[in-house]
Protein backbone atom coordinates (compact mmCIF):
# COMPACT_ATOMS: atom_id res chain seq x y z
CA MET A 1 73.01 -151.57 11.84
CA SER A 2 76.49 -150.37 12.77
CA PRO A 3 77.46 -149.13 16.18
CA ARG A 4 78.39 -145.71 14.62
CA LYS A 5 74.99 -145.26 13.01
CA ASN A 6 73.27 -146.11 16.19
CA LEU A 7 75.33 -143.60 18.04
CA ILE A 8 74.51 -140.90 15.43
CA LYS A 9 70.78 -141.75 15.77
CA PHE A 10 71.04 -141.58 19.52
CA LEU A 11 72.87 -138.14 19.44
CA ILE A 12 70.10 -136.76 17.21
CA LEU A 13 67.47 -138.08 19.52
CA CYS A 14 69.19 -136.45 22.41
CA LEU A 15 69.53 -133.06 20.57
CA VAL A 16 65.94 -133.08 19.47
CA TRP A 17 64.57 -134.19 22.81
CA GLY A 18 66.65 -131.53 24.64
CA LEU A 19 65.66 -128.70 22.32
CA THR A 20 61.96 -129.72 22.77
CA TRP A 21 62.09 -128.40 26.35
CA ILE A 22 63.63 -125.08 25.46
CA ALA A 23 60.91 -124.68 22.55
CA VAL A 24 58.09 -125.45 25.12
CA LYS A 25 59.40 -123.04 27.65
CA THR A 26 59.47 -120.32 24.93
CA GLY A 27 56.13 -121.39 23.60
CA ILE A 28 54.30 -121.25 26.92
CA GLN A 29 55.49 -117.63 27.41
CA THR A 30 53.69 -116.69 24.27
CA VAL A 31 50.35 -118.63 24.61
CA SER A 32 48.60 -120.60 27.32
CA PRO A 33 50.11 -123.90 28.19
CA MET A 34 47.05 -125.86 27.16
CA VAL A 35 46.69 -124.14 23.89
CA PHE A 36 50.40 -124.80 23.20
CA ALA A 37 50.18 -128.38 24.05
CA ALA A 38 47.19 -128.91 21.80
CA THR A 39 48.77 -126.93 18.94
CA ARG A 40 52.01 -128.98 19.32
CA PHE A 41 50.24 -132.28 19.02
CA LEU A 42 48.04 -131.13 16.26
CA CYS A 43 51.06 -129.86 14.12
CA ALA A 44 52.81 -133.19 14.89
CA GLY A 45 49.86 -135.22 13.91
CA LEU A 46 49.37 -133.32 10.67
CA LEU A 47 53.03 -133.65 9.86
CA LEU A 48 52.98 -137.51 10.47
CA PHE A 49 49.85 -137.78 8.37
CA GLY A 50 51.44 -135.82 5.45
CA TRP A 51 54.49 -138.00 5.76
CA SER A 52 52.39 -141.15 5.62
CA LEU A 53 50.60 -139.91 2.53
CA CYS A 54 53.78 -139.07 0.72
CA SER A 55 55.57 -142.31 1.66
CA GLY A 56 52.72 -144.56 0.71
CA ARG A 57 52.40 -145.83 4.27
CA ARG A 58 49.01 -144.60 4.98
CA ARG A 59 46.78 -147.05 6.84
CA PHE A 60 43.21 -146.70 7.69
CA LEU A 61 42.08 -147.02 11.26
CA ALA A 62 39.43 -149.58 12.27
CA ARG A 63 36.28 -147.95 13.30
CA ARG A 64 36.34 -149.84 16.65
CA ASP A 65 39.83 -148.30 17.45
CA LEU A 66 38.79 -144.62 16.81
CA GLY A 67 36.98 -144.00 20.08
CA ARG A 68 39.94 -145.38 22.09
CA ILE A 69 42.37 -143.35 20.11
CA ILE A 70 40.33 -140.09 20.66
CA ILE A 71 40.13 -140.81 24.46
CA ALA A 72 43.84 -141.65 24.72
CA SER A 73 44.69 -138.60 22.83
CA LEU A 74 42.56 -136.36 25.03
CA LEU A 75 43.90 -137.86 28.23
CA MET A 76 47.54 -137.60 27.02
CA ILE A 77 47.16 -133.81 26.47
CA THR A 78 44.87 -132.93 29.26
CA LEU A 79 46.31 -135.23 32.03
CA CYS A 80 49.92 -135.34 31.02
CA TYR A 81 51.09 -132.47 28.94
CA GLY A 82 48.66 -129.86 30.21
CA PRO A 83 49.80 -130.01 33.69
CA LEU A 84 53.52 -130.50 32.58
CA PHE A 85 53.40 -127.34 30.40
CA TRP A 86 51.49 -125.49 33.08
CA GLY A 87 54.14 -126.43 35.62
CA MET A 88 56.91 -125.21 33.30
CA GLN A 89 55.83 -121.70 33.89
CA PHE A 90 57.33 -121.93 37.38
CA VAL A 91 60.51 -124.02 36.96
CA ALA A 92 63.42 -124.30 34.54
CA SER A 93 63.01 -126.39 31.49
CA GLY A 94 65.91 -128.76 32.53
CA THR A 95 64.15 -129.35 35.91
CA ALA A 96 60.89 -129.99 34.17
CA ALA A 97 62.66 -132.50 31.84
CA VAL A 98 64.23 -134.43 34.72
CA ILE A 99 61.03 -134.55 36.86
CA GLU A 100 58.83 -135.61 33.86
CA MET A 101 61.20 -138.43 32.82
CA SER A 102 61.41 -139.54 36.49
CA LEU A 103 57.62 -139.86 36.60
CA THR A 104 57.53 -142.21 33.70
CA PRO A 105 58.63 -145.37 35.51
CA LEU A 106 56.23 -144.59 38.39
CA ALA A 107 53.21 -144.11 36.03
CA LEU A 108 54.06 -147.38 34.30
CA LEU A 109 54.27 -149.17 37.54
CA GLY A 110 50.97 -147.68 38.70
CA PHE A 111 49.22 -148.70 35.42
CA GLY A 112 50.83 -152.19 35.66
CA ILE A 113 49.41 -152.62 39.19
CA LEU A 114 46.04 -151.22 38.15
CA LEU A 115 45.99 -153.67 35.23
CA GLY A 116 47.06 -156.67 37.43
CA GLU A 117 50.25 -157.13 35.51
CA GLU A 118 52.63 -155.94 38.26
CA ARG A 119 52.67 -156.39 42.07
CA TRP A 120 53.42 -153.93 44.73
CA SER A 121 56.57 -154.89 46.85
CA SER A 122 58.83 -153.41 49.42
CA ALA A 123 61.81 -153.50 46.93
CA ARG A 124 59.79 -151.25 44.62
CA ALA A 125 58.81 -148.96 47.37
CA PHE A 126 62.47 -148.76 48.32
CA ALA A 127 63.44 -147.91 44.84
CA MET A 128 60.99 -145.11 44.72
CA VAL A 129 62.24 -143.68 48.00
CA ILE A 130 65.77 -143.80 46.53
CA GLY A 131 64.62 -142.01 43.43
CA LEU A 132 62.86 -139.34 45.23
CA ILE A 133 65.89 -138.71 47.41
CA GLY A 134 67.95 -138.46 44.31
CA LEU A 135 65.42 -135.84 42.84
CA SER A 136 65.11 -133.81 45.95
CA PRO A 137 68.23 -131.69 45.38
CA SER A 138 66.76 -130.45 42.20
CA GLN A 139 63.93 -128.86 44.31
CA PHE A 140 66.24 -126.65 46.32
CA LYS A 141 67.00 -123.08 45.04
CA ARG A 142 70.52 -122.16 45.05
CA SER A 143 71.25 -118.66 46.57
CA ALA A 144 73.96 -116.59 45.18
CA ALA A 145 76.82 -116.50 47.60
């Protein structure tokens, strides 16, 4: 794939991802954050399912995977997007986006440690402290001079 096509795809991704936060901020002013999160994922799932039917890429899930998928879906909405959307009632959408994306590496490290695939180290602790210091200015309100 050409570098130009990759750049175009990247710019589209950035535009869609950025607009998502504005849409969420608008949506949670209309309905409760949990209802908005659930509706968002239900619509996305239905759109993806329709696309898979139309494109002939429909695959059936193995029965043994169904329980894990349901649990992961419920946890993703209730433990990730529920609190995120609830918190967006109180902060700007840009602040929420930066904080949410900053938590992803921390969560991945935490899961890696819990699963025994990663080890805690002083270098990682130091990196987290530097990251928190970098995020801290976003938490201070600027007063009008």
